[in-house]
Amino acid sequence: MTIRFFAASPLVSTVSRAAICLALAAPASADVTSAQVWADMKSYMEGTGYQTTATETPTGSGLTVSDIEMSIDIPGEEEAGGTAKVLMNQIVFNDNGDGTVTVQLPATIPMQFQAEADGDIVSAGTITMTQTGANMIVSGDPNDTTYDYTAREIVVSMDDLTVEGEGVPTEQMNITMSVNDVTSQTRMTVGEMRALDQSFKAASLDYTFGMKVPEGPEQGSFIITGTMTELDAASTGQMPLDLADGTLSGFVASGMQGTGAFTFASGSSSMTGDTPDGKIMGNSSSQGGELTVGIGPDGIGYAVDVSNMATEMTVPDLPFPIALQMAKSAFNLKFPVTTSDEEQDFAFGFTLGAVTVSDMIWSLFDPAGQLPRDPATISVDLTGKATMLIDVFDPAQTATLEAGAQPGEINALDINGLEVSAVGASLTGNGGLTFDNSATGSPNGMPQPVGAIDLRLEGANALIDTLVNMGLVPQDQAMAARMMMGLFGVPQGDDTLTSKIEFTEGGGIFANGQQIQ
């Protein structure tokens, strides 16, 4: 049986959101009743698009809600899409007599998803969330409510999966995540908007992801296990009361905004796999990291920063492990959400900082140790201005784009930093360009840039000499490279060249004052 995964991950994410919202969040101090707490929970889920059915039974101490079903349709392009459903046997609300309510969530919460394409079910499955030692206390009033939640352990596992009508046996699939010693607090304030202020802490997160294909060209198996320690997250923001219909850009235009940050102290993982060519083994570790996110009128932004990563892997074709270390791994992205005639900010950057590899890898192409083995770095930091022509979060608008058409225009690009350094040489640069989108006279039809980029190259001649001595670069190619550097660079002494590349109105390109186009 060949196992393929379709676009079920948005369904899984949507299904999980419902259970996590109920277990870890929800709406600091007055009186609140059981009925009011359930009403706000239900209002929140229905406001995000879920249809809710349940049986409500008043009790002497509060309210019992049973036979709970929360379902949502997941839209997709053309005939694609699916459904997601959260089932709970009952939630018990007990009034504590002091203006607070204790909420007893079920120990086990099944979450079902189903993905469709062209009217056929292509995948379906059940994810189960199990809580151990869970406790939730709700305080406040109906429009300003705080939920305090603790649990010894929360386990989320894939219990069954069907792909293209074929069930995946449990012995061929192992997908589990557990979060330990959880403490969470969420405050919800309801007015014209729903405001949230959330915090979350956990001692550790453990995960396992394993698959086995017993036959066919993809025959083999693998399993990945890992852990993260000292998880800490906080977020704040606001959203419209009704998110059932509309697009992300529409919600932002209506006032949705928020920021969040997630950190962890350390992480590690290991992987083993069996393939037709042999066994694969690997492990990795890091000394902590941070993820930040933001959404609002200025756009969506993501930033990830992980410190001191180390990876080692053994593959069948090599007699020794592949090992590398990296002091910094970072990535950031920001882009507009809403369409506008006005320019909007965007950003992109990444850093692979102080990368080192093992001497065994160096020995493959430099056994004599002629090349400098200094840590290598690749880093890019870009910002700019863009005009969004269509709503990229609206499938109806994106469907109108002709082949090759762009959803927006770049108006300006700033190179705040560029660095590529390795084997004793380095290239650095910065600069800024503006773009005339009405003038596309370049051969590739791109808008004409105006501006300048400054570059600095150090150690290039010494590197070329070493590569020639090693026999990796022929003399004629080395001479051609030096001629090119002489044409575009200005010597600054000590094996250093600088260059200013200028783009002028009308399509002219100059290198250090000499026109090259």
Protein backbone atom coordinates (compact mmCIF):
# COMPACT_ATOMS: atom_id res chain seq x y z
CA MET A 1 0.00 0.00 0.00
CA THR A 2 1.34 3.43 -0.92
CA ILE A 3 0.63 6.09 1.68
CA ARG A 4 0.20 9.67 0.52
CA PHE A 5 -0.80 12.67 2.55
CA PHE A 6 -3.23 15.21 1.19
CA ALA A 7 -4.19 18.64 2.44
CA ALA A 8 -5.45 17.34 5.77
CA SER A 9 -3.17 19.49 7.89
CA PRO A 10 -5.48 22.58 7.79
CA LEU A 11 -8.30 20.28 8.91
CA VAL A 12 -6.21 18.87 11.73
CA SER A 13 -5.20 22.38 12.75
CA THR A 14 -8.81 23.56 12.72
CA VAL A 15 -10.06 20.55 14.68
CA SER A 16 -7.30 20.87 17.24
CA ARG A 17 -8.05 24.54 17.67
CA ALA A 18 -11.50 23.77 19.05
CA ALA A 19 -10.28 21.38 21.71
CA ILE A 20 -7.31 23.50 22.68
CA CYS A 21 -9.48 26.61 22.96
CA LEU A 22 -11.74 24.74 25.36
CA ALA A 23 -8.97 23.06 27.29
CA LEU A 24 -6.36 25.81 27.50
CA ALA A 25 -8.23 29.00 26.87
CA ALA A 26 -11.41 30.96 27.11
CA PRO A 27 -12.39 34.01 28.61
CA ALA A 28 -10.93 39.26 36.29
CA SER A 29 -12.95 39.83 39.53
CA ALA A 30 -16.78 39.67 39.90
CA ASP A 31 -19.35 36.85 39.76
CA VAL A 32 -19.86 34.43 36.92
CA THR A 33 -22.29 31.51 36.72
CA SER A 34 -22.10 28.11 35.07
CA ALA A 35 -24.66 29.07 32.45
CA GLN A 36 -22.74 32.22 31.60
CA VAL A 37 -19.45 30.34 31.22
CA TRP A 38 -20.99 27.79 28.85
CA ALA A 39 -22.73 30.56 26.91
CA ASP A 40 -19.42 32.35 26.34
CA MET A 41 -17.64 29.13 25.36
CA LYS A 42 -20.37 28.37 22.86
CA SER A 43 -20.45 31.93 21.55
CA TYR A 44 -16.67 31.89 21.04
CA MET A 45 -16.68 28.63 19.07
CA GLU A 46 -19.69 29.63 16.97
CA GLY A 47 -18.05 32.97 16.31
CA THR A 48 -15.10 31.14 14.75
CA GLY A 49 -17.39 29.17 12.44
CA TYR A 50 -18.33 26.03 14.39
CA GLN A 51 -21.91 24.75 14.49
CA THR A 52 -22.65 23.50 17.99
CA THR A 53 -25.25 21.05 19.24
CA ALA A 54 -25.54 19.87 22.86
CA THR A 55 -27.96 18.91 25.60
CA GLU A 56 -28.02 21.33 28.54
CA THR A 57 -29.20 20.03 31.92
CA PRO A 58 -29.33 22.36 34.96
CA THR A 59 -28.16 20.76 38.20
CA GLY A 60 -28.25 21.73 41.83
CA SER A 61 -24.64 22.89 41.64
CA GLY A 62 -24.57 24.34 38.14
CA LEU A 63 -24.95 22.89 34.65
CA THR A 64 -24.12 19.69 32.79
CA VAL A 65 -23.74 19.89 29.02
CA SER A 66 -23.73 16.50 27.28
CA ASP A 67 -23.62 15.01 23.78
CA ILE A 68 -21.56 17.94 22.51
CA GLU A 69 -20.76 18.12 18.82
CA MET A 70 -18.90 21.02 17.22
CA SER A 71 -18.51 20.84 13.45
CA ILE A 72 -17.14 23.15 10.79
CA ASP A 73 -16.89 23.07 7.00
CA ILE A 74 -13.42 23.67 5.63
CA PRO A 75 -13.59 25.50 2.29
CA GLY A 76 -11.25 24.65 -0.55
CA GLU A 77 -10.67 25.56 -4.15
CA GLU A 78 -13.23 24.21 -6.64
CA GLU A 79 -14.39 20.80 -5.36
CA ALA A 80 -11.80 20.53 -2.58
CA GLY A 81 -12.51 21.06 1.08
CA GLY A 82 -13.63 19.02 4.02
CA THR A 83 -15.14 18.96 7.46
CA ALA A 84 -13.87 18.91 11.03
CA LYS A 85 -15.74 17.79 14.12
CA VAL A 86 -15.07 17.82 17.89
CA LEU A 87 -17.03 15.40 20.10
CA MET A 88 -17.36 15.49 23.88
CA ASN A 89 -19.56 13.30 26.04
CA GLN A 90 -20.08 16.01 28.62
CA ILE A 91 -18.74 19.11 30.35
CA VAL A 92 -19.72 19.67 33.97
CA PHE A 93 -19.94 23.24 35.32
CA ASN A 94 -20.05 23.64 39.11
CA ASP A 95 -20.75 26.95 40.84
CA ASN A 96 -18.26 27.26 43.70
CA GLY A 97 -20.32 29.68 45.78
CA ASP A 98 -17.70 32.43 45.62
CA GLY A 99 -18.48 33.79 42.17
CA THR A 100 -16.22 31.31 40.37
CA VAL A 101 -17.01 28.19 38.37
CA THR A 102 -15.14 24.89 38.16
CA VAL A 103 -15.22 23.32 34.70
CA GLN A 104 -14.73 19.56 34.42
CA LEU A 105 -13.71 18.78 30.87
CA PRO A 106 -13.85 15.18 29.61
CA ALA A 107 -10.65 13.21 29.99
CA THR A 108 -10.82 12.14 26.34
CA ILE A 109 -11.85 14.36 23.44
CA PRO A 110 -12.00 12.79 19.94
CA MET A 111 -11.56 15.13 16.99
CA GLN A 112 -12.53 13.90 13.53
CA PHE A 113 -11.49 15.33 10.17
CA GLN A 114 -12.28 14.56 6.56
CA ALA A 115 -10.71 15.97 3.38
CA GLU A 116 -12.45 15.94 0.02
CA ALA A 117 -11.44 16.55 -3.60
CA ASP A 118 -13.72 16.44 -6.65
CA GLY A 119 -16.54 15.24 -4.43
CA ASP A 120 -14.62 12.21 -3.15
CA ILE A 121 -13.22 11.62 0.34
CA VAL A 122 -9.43 11.44 -0.06
CA SER A 123 -8.50 11.22 3.60
CA ALA A 124 -10.16 10.98 6.99
CA GLY A 125 -9.07 10.31 10.52
CA THR A 126 -9.50 10.77 14.23
CA ILE A 127 -7.22 12.70 16.55
CA THR A 128 -7.73 12.17 20.27
CA MET A 129 -6.76 14.58 23.04
CA THR A 130 -6.41 13.06 26.51
CA GLN A 131 -6.06 15.16 29.66
CA THR A 132 -4.68 13.91 32.96
CA GLY A 133 -5.10 15.88 36.16
CA ALA A 134 -6.90 18.71 34.39
CA ASN A 135 -8.47 21.52 36.41
CA MET A 136 -10.14 24.72 35.23
CA ILE A 137 -11.42 27.60 37.34
CA VAL A 138 -13.37 30.44 35.73
CA SER A 139 -13.76 33.85 37.34
CA GLY A 140 -14.89 37.36 36.40
CA ASP A 141 -18.15 38.37 34.79
CA PRO A 142 -19.85 37.49 31.50
CA ASN A 143 -18.03 40.21 29.56
CA ASP A 144 -14.66 39.99 31.30
CA THR A 145 -13.78 36.43 32.14
CA THR A 146 -10.55 34.68 33.12
CA TYR A 147 -9.94 30.96 32.72
CA ASP A 148 -7.15 29.36 34.77
CA TYR A 149 -6.22 25.89 33.57
CA THR A 150 -3.71 23.32 34.80
CA ALA A 151 -2.99 19.73 33.79
CA ARG A 152 -0.32 17.16 34.59
CA GLU A 153 -0.32 15.98 30.99
CA ILE A 154 -2.08 16.58 27.69
CA VAL A 155 -1.61 13.90 25.01
CA VAL A 156 -2.66 14.34 21.39
CA SER A 157 -2.48 11.27 19.15
CA MET A 158 -3.59 10.17 15.70
CA ASP A 159 -5.80 7.15 16.38
CA ASP A 160 -6.89 6.25 12.87
CA LEU A 161 -6.23 7.42 9.34
CA THR A 162 -7.81 6.48 6.01
CA VAL A 163 -6.21 7.56 2.72
CA GLU A 164 -8.02 7.04 -0.59
CA GLY A 165 -10.36 4.53 1.02
CA GLU A 166 -7.57 2.44 2.56
CA GLY A 167 -7.10 2.35 6.31
CA VAL A 168 -3.59 2.78 7.64
CA PRO A 169 -3.01 0.06 10.28
CA THR A 170 -1.99 1.34 13.70
CA GLU A 171 1.28 -0.63 13.54
CA GLN A 172 2.20 1.43 10.47
CA MET A 173 1.50 4.81 12.06
CA ASN A 174 2.59 6.40 15.33
CA ILE A 175 1.87 10.11 15.73
CA THR A 176 1.80 11.34 19.34
CA MET A 177 2.52 14.59 21.16
CA SER A 178 2.41 15.13 24.92
CA VAL A 179 2.71 18.35 26.92
CA ASN A 180 3.59 18.04 30.59
CA ASP A 181 2.91 20.18 33.71
CA VAL A 182 0.73 22.70 31.91
CA THR A 183 -0.37 26.05 33.32
CA SER A 184 -2.48 28.39 31.22
CA GLN A 185 -4.48 31.56 31.76
CA THR A 186 -6.70 33.33 29.25
CA ARG A 187 -8.65 36.50 29.81
CA MET A 188 -11.42 37.36 27.35
CA THR A 189 -13.08 40.74 27.30
CA VAL A 190 -16.17 40.99 25.11
CA GLY A 191 -17.40 44.30 23.72
CA GLU A 192 -17.58 45.40 20.10
CA MET A 193 -14.57 43.11 19.66
CA ARG A 194 -13.34 40.08 21.58
CA ALA A 195 -10.02 40.89 23.28
CA LEU A 196 -7.70 38.14 24.49
CA ASP A 197 -4.73 38.10 26.82
CA GLN A 198 -3.16 34.64 27.12
CA SER A 199 -0.22 32.97 28.82
CA PHE A 200 0.95 29.37 28.69
CA LYS A 201 3.75 27.43 30.39
CA ALA A 202 4.75 23.77 30.27
CA ALA A 203 7.70 21.84 31.64
CA SER A 204 8.23 19.88 28.42
CA LEU A 205 6.78 18.75 25.13
CA ASP A 206 7.52 15.26 23.78
CA TYR A 207 6.63 14.03 20.31
CA THR A 208 6.84 10.89 18.20
CA PHE A 209 6.23 10.63 14.48
CA GLY A 210 6.66 7.23 12.89
CA MET A 211 5.49 5.61 9.66
CA LYS A 212 6.01 2.21 8.04
CA VAL A 213 5.43 1.23 4.42
CA PRO A 214 5.52 -2.59 4.28
CA GLU A 215 5.72 -3.00 0.51
CA GLY A 216 6.22 -1.26 -2.82
CA PRO A 217 8.94 1.10 -4.10
CA GLU A 218 8.60 3.25 -0.98
CA GLN A 219 9.05 0.28 1.34
CA GLY A 220 10.70 1.13 4.62
CA SER A 221 10.08 2.80 7.93
CA PHE A 222 11.19 5.73 10.03
CA ILE A 223 10.52 7.12 13.47
CA ILE A 224 11.34 10.57 14.85
CA THR A 225 11.22 11.31 18.58
CA GLY A 226 12.00 14.57 20.27
CA THR A 227 11.51 16.85 23.23
CA MET A 228 11.45 20.55 24.06
CA THR A 229 11.86 21.93 27.58
CA GLU A 230 10.59 24.96 29.51
CA LEU A 231 7.93 26.11 27.08
CA ASP A 232 6.66 29.65 27.62
CA ALA A 233 4.13 31.49 25.47
CA ALA A 234 2.20 34.74 25.70
CA SER A 235 -0.14 36.52 23.32
CA THR A 236 -2.50 39.44 23.24
CA GLY A 237 -4.92 40.72 20.64
CA GLN A 238 -8.48 41.24 19.53
CA MET A 239 -10.80 39.79 16.91
CA PRO A 240 -14.29 40.40 15.52
CA LEU A 241 -17.08 38.59 17.33
CA ASP A 242 -18.04 36.70 14.15
CA LEU A 243 -15.32 34.94 12.18
CA ALA A 244 -17.67 32.40 10.59
CA ASP A 245 -17.56 33.94 7.12
CA GLY A 246 -15.06 36.16 5.37
CA THR A 247 -11.37 36.30 4.59
CA LEU A 248 -8.35 36.99 6.76
CA SER A 249 -7.83 40.34 5.08
CA GLY A 250 -11.46 41.22 5.78
CA PHE A 251 -11.08 40.35 9.45
CA VAL A 252 -7.95 42.52 9.68
CA ALA A 253 -9.81 45.38 8.02
CA SER A 254 -12.51 44.89 10.66
CA GLY A 255 -10.01 45.29 13.49
CA MET A 256 -8.34 41.92 14.04
CA GLN A 257 -4.83 42.28 15.41
CA GLY A 258 -2.51 40.51 17.80
CA THR A 259 1.01 39.57 18.77
CA GLY A 260 2.47 36.46 20.32
CA ALA A 261 5.77 34.96 21.39
CA PHE A 262 6.85 31.40 22.17
CA THR A 263 10.16 30.36 23.70
CA PHE A 264 11.79 27.12 24.78
CA ALA A 265 14.97 26.43 26.73
CA SER A 266 16.33 23.44 24.81
CA GLY A 267 15.35 20.88 22.23
CA SER A 268 16.55 17.53 20.97
CA SER A 269 15.41 14.85 18.54
CA SER A 270 16.52 11.54 17.11
CA MET A 271 15.60 9.69 13.96
CA THR A 272 16.03 6.13 12.71
CA GLY A 273 14.91 4.75 9.39
CA ASP A 274 15.15 1.64 7.26
CA THR A 275 15.29 2.06 3.49
CA PRO A 276 16.01 -0.35 0.62
CA ASP A 277 19.55 1.10 0.58
CA GLY A 278 20.19 0.62 4.30
CA LYS A 279 19.66 2.23 7.68
CA ILE A 280 19.56 5.98 8.35
CA MET A 281 20.20 7.39 11.81
CA GLY A 282 20.41 10.95 13.06
CA ASN A 283 20.05 13.25 16.02
CA SER A 284 19.90 16.98 16.62
CA SER A 285 19.86 19.41 19.51
CA SER A 286 19.55 23.11 20.23
CA GLN A 287 19.98 25.44 23.18
CA GLY A 288 16.67 27.18 22.97
CA GLY A 289 14.82 29.40 20.58
CA GLU A 290 12.00 31.87 20.05
CA LEU A 291 9.06 32.24 17.67
CA THR A 292 7.22 35.55 17.38
CA VAL A 293 4.12 36.25 15.30
CA GLY A 294 2.03 39.29 14.63
CA ILE A 295 -1.03 40.23 12.60
CA GLY A 296 -2.72 43.56 12.07
CA PRO A 297 -3.14 46.47 9.66
CA ASP A 298 0.61 46.41 8.97
CA GLY A 299 0.43 42.79 7.77
CA ILE A 300 1.45 39.37 8.99
CA GLY A 301 4.90 38.80 10.46
CA TYR A 302 6.84 35.71 11.55
CA ALA A 303 10.28 35.43 13.10
CA VAL A 304 12.12 32.31 14.26
CA ASP A 305 15.48 32.26 16.03
CA VAL A 306 17.18 29.08 17.27
CA SER A 307 20.55 28.99 19.07
CA ASN A 308 23.42 26.53 18.90
CA MET A 309 22.00 23.80 16.72
CA ALA A 310 23.94 20.57 16.29
CA THR A 311 23.07 17.79 13.84
CA GLU A 312 24.63 14.42 13.12
CA MET A 313 23.39 11.87 10.58
CA THR A 314 24.56 8.49 9.30
CA VAL A 315 23.53 7.44 5.79
CA PRO A 316 24.20 4.19 3.89
CA ASP A 317 26.51 5.72 1.25
CA LEU A 318 29.04 7.20 3.69
CA PRO A 319 31.23 5.28 6.15
CA PHE A 320 31.17 8.13 8.67
CA PRO A 321 28.46 10.43 10.07
CA ILE A 322 27.62 13.83 8.62
CA ALA A 323 27.97 16.33 11.45
CA LEU A 324 27.47 20.10 11.51
CA GLN A 325 26.93 22.81 14.08
CA MET A 326 25.33 26.22 13.74
CA ALA A 327 25.49 29.02 16.30
CA LYS A 328 22.40 30.76 14.93
CA SER A 329 19.53 29.79 12.64
CA ALA A 330 17.02 32.57 12.04
CA PHE A 331 14.24 33.41 9.60
CA ASN A 332 11.81 36.32 9.38
CA LEU A 333 9.01 37.21 7.00
CA LYS A 334 6.52 40.06 6.86
CA PHE A 335 3.98 40.74 4.13
CA PRO A 336 0.81 42.82 3.65
CA VAL A 337 -2.62 41.33 4.25
CA THR A 338 -5.02 43.89 2.79
CA THR A 339 -5.22 45.46 -0.65
CA SER A 340 -4.52 49.16 -0.82
CA ASP A 341 -3.51 51.88 -3.27
CA GLU A 342 -0.92 52.91 -0.70
CA GLU A 343 2.49 51.28 -0.38
CA GLN A 344 2.85 48.75 2.43
CA ASP A 345 5.87 47.32 4.22
CA PHE A 346 7.33 43.87 3.62
CA ALA A 347 10.45 42.14 4.94
CA PHE A 348 12.42 38.97 4.44
CA GLY A 349 15.55 37.70 6.11
CA PHE A 350 17.43 34.61 7.12
CA THR A 351 20.70 33.76 8.84
CA LEU A 352 22.74 30.59 8.97
CA GLY A 353 25.39 31.79 11.37
CA ALA A 354 28.79 30.33 12.26
CA VAL A 355 28.25 26.98 10.54
CA THR A 356 30.94 24.35 11.06
CA VAL A 357 31.22 20.81 9.72
CA SER A 358 33.26 17.85 10.93
CA ASP A 359 36.85 17.22 9.79
CA MET A 360 35.67 14.00 8.17
CA ILE A 361 33.53 16.00 5.75
CA TRP A 362 36.38 18.44 5.07
CA SER A 363 38.65 15.51 4.28
CA LEU A 364 36.45 14.47 1.35
CA PHE A 365 37.54 17.47 -0.76
CA ASP A 366 40.43 19.01 1.23
CA PRO A 367 42.44 16.15 2.81
CA ALA A 368 45.59 18.29 3.09
CA GLY A 369 43.80 21.05 5.01
CA GLN A 370 44.70 23.83 2.58
CA LEU A 371 41.38 25.68 2.87
CA PRO A 372 40.68 27.82 5.95
CA ARG A 373 38.07 26.08 8.08
CA ASP A 374 36.61 29.15 9.70
CA PRO A 375 32.88 29.02 10.53
CA ALA A 376 30.72 29.96 7.53
CA THR A 377 27.84 32.44 7.57
CA ILE A 378 25.08 33.27 5.11
CA SER A 379 22.84 36.19 6.06
CA VAL A 380 20.30 38.32 4.17
CA ASP A 381 18.21 41.21 5.55
CA LEU A 382 15.70 42.76 3.14
CA THR A 383 12.90 45.29 3.66
CA GLY A 384 10.80 47.20 1.19
CA LYS A 385 7.53 48.66 -0.01
CA ALA A 386 4.87 46.90 -2.07
CA THR A 387 1.39 47.57 -3.44
CA MET A 388 -1.07 44.68 -3.18
CA LEU A 389 -3.30 44.54 -6.28
CA ILE A 390 -5.58 41.70 -5.13
CA ASP A 391 -6.56 39.99 -1.90
CA VAL A 392 -4.30 36.92 -1.83
CA PHE A 393 -6.44 35.42 0.97
CA ASP A 394 -9.58 35.47 -1.20
CA PRO A 395 -9.75 32.36 -3.45
CA ALA A 396 -12.22 34.13 -5.74
CA GLN A 397 -9.69 36.88 -6.47
CA THR A 398 -6.64 34.65 -6.80
CA ALA A 399 -8.57 32.50 -9.28
CA THR A 400 -8.83 35.51 -11.59
CA LEU A 401 -5.05 35.83 -11.93
CA GLU A 402 -3.81 34.94 -15.37
CA ALA A 403 -0.82 32.64 -15.74
CA GLY A 404 2.33 34.50 -14.77
CA ALA A 405 0.44 37.49 -13.36
CA GLN A 406 1.59 38.93 -10.04
CA PRO A 407 -0.72 39.72 -7.11
CA GLY A 408 1.22 42.88 -6.29
CA GLU A 409 4.02 45.25 -7.23
CA ILE A 410 7.33 45.88 -5.52
CA ASN A 411 7.96 49.60 -5.24
CA ALA A 412 11.19 49.66 -3.21
CA LEU A 413 13.75 47.21 -1.90
CA ASP A 414 16.40 47.91 0.75
CA ILE A 415 19.31 45.54 1.24
CA ASN A 416 20.05 46.27 4.88
CA GLY A 417 22.63 43.54 5.12
CA LEU A 418 24.19 40.83 2.96
CA GLU A 419 26.94 38.48 4.08
CA VAL A 420 28.37 35.33 2.57
CA SER A 421 31.57 34.19 4.27
CA ALA A 422 33.34 30.84 4.01
CA VAL A 423 36.79 29.27 3.40
CA GLY A 424 38.62 32.54 4.10
CA ALA A 425 36.62 34.81 1.76
CA SER A 426 33.66 37.05 2.39
CA LEU A 427 31.18 39.11 0.41
CA THR A 428 29.19 41.84 2.15
CA GLY A 429 26.83 44.44 0.80
CA ASN A 430 23.99 46.89 1.27
CA GLY A 431 21.97 49.28 -0.82
CA GLY A 432 18.57 50.40 -1.94
CA LEU A 433 16.46 50.34 -5.09
CA THR A 434 13.16 51.81 -6.21
CA PHE A 435 11.15 50.31 -9.05
CA ASP A 436 9.18 51.93 -11.85
CA ASN A 437 6.41 49.42 -12.45
CA SER A 438 5.20 51.33 -15.51
CA ALA A 439 8.55 50.79 -17.27
CA THR A 440 9.31 47.17 -18.10
CA GLY A 441 11.98 47.63 -20.70
CA SER A 442 14.33 44.97 -19.31
CA PRO A 443 14.70 41.74 -21.31
CA ASN A 444 12.79 39.72 -18.71
CA GLY A 445 9.99 42.27 -18.44
CA MET A 446 10.84 43.23 -14.87
CA PRO A 447 10.19 46.78 -13.63
CA GLN A 448 13.18 49.07 -14.07
CA PRO A 449 15.19 49.68 -10.86
CA VAL A 450 16.80 52.93 -9.81
CA GLY A 451 19.37 53.04 -7.02
CA ALA A 452 22.70 51.59 -5.98
CA ILE A 453 24.19 48.54 -4.27
CA ASP A 454 27.57 48.65 -2.52
CA LEU A 455 29.59 45.42 -2.35
CA ARG A 456 32.84 44.46 -0.61
CA LEU A 457 34.79 41.30 -1.42
CA GLU A 458 37.67 40.15 0.78
CA GLY A 459 40.04 37.19 0.43
CA ALA A 460 38.92 36.20 -3.08
CA ASN A 461 42.38 36.10 -4.68
CA ALA A 462 43.81 33.97 -1.87
CA LEU A 463 40.89 31.57 -2.22
CA ILE A 464 41.39 31.30 -5.99
CA ASP A 465 45.11 30.57 -5.48
CA THR A 466 44.31 27.81 -3.03
CA LEU A 467 41.70 26.25 -5.32
CA VAL A 468 44.20 26.27 -8.20
CA ASN A 469 46.88 24.63 -6.03
CA MET A 470 44.36 21.96 -5.01
CA GLY A 471 43.57 21.27 -8.66
CA LEU A 472 39.91 22.14 -8.22
CA VAL A 473 40.01 25.21 -10.54
CA PRO A 474 41.97 25.31 -13.83
CA GLN A 475 44.32 28.24 -14.45
CA ASP A 476 42.24 29.61 -17.35
CA GLN A 477 39.07 29.71 -15.22
CA ALA A 478 41.01 31.38 -12.40
CA MET A 479 42.26 34.02 -14.83
CA ALA A 480 38.74 34.66 -16.12
CA ALA A 481 37.48 35.09 -12.55
CA ARG A 482 40.24 37.61 -11.76
CA MET A 483 39.45 39.56 -14.94
CA MET A 484 35.79 39.79 -13.94
CA MET A 485 36.73 41.02 -10.47
CA GLY A 486 39.02 43.60 -12.10
CA LEU A 487 36.17 44.86 -14.30
CA PHE A 488 33.63 45.22 -11.51
CA GLY A 489 35.84 45.88 -8.47
CA VAL A 490 38.12 48.62 -7.23
CA PRO A 491 41.22 47.39 -5.31
CA GLN A 492 41.40 48.60 -1.73
CA GLY A 493 44.58 46.76 -0.75
CA ASP A 494 45.12 43.55 1.24
CA ASP A 495 43.09 41.38 -1.18
CA THR A 496 40.00 43.57 -0.90
CA LEU A 497 37.73 44.85 -3.68
CA THR A 498 34.80 47.22 -3.49
CA SER A 499 32.13 47.86 -6.08
CA LYS A 500 29.18 50.23 -6.49
CA ILE A 501 26.54 48.95 -8.88
CA GLU A 502 24.22 51.79 -9.94
CA PHE A 503 20.89 51.55 -11.76
CA THR A 504 19.76 54.76 -13.43
CA GLU A 505 16.54 55.98 -14.99
CA GLY A 506 16.20 54.76 -18.54
CA GLY A 507 17.68 51.33 -17.80
CA GLY A 508 21.37 52.22 -17.45
CA ILE A 509 23.63 50.08 -15.26
CA PHE A 510 27.03 51.34 -14.04
CA ALA A 511 29.82 49.59 -12.13
CA ASN A 512 32.09 52.05 -10.33
CA GLY A 513 31.08 54.78 -12.78
CA GLN A 514 31.62 52.71 -15.92
CA GLN A 515 28.51 51.93 -17.93
CA ILE A 516 27.97 48.22 -18.54
CA GLN A 517 24.43 48.51 -19.95
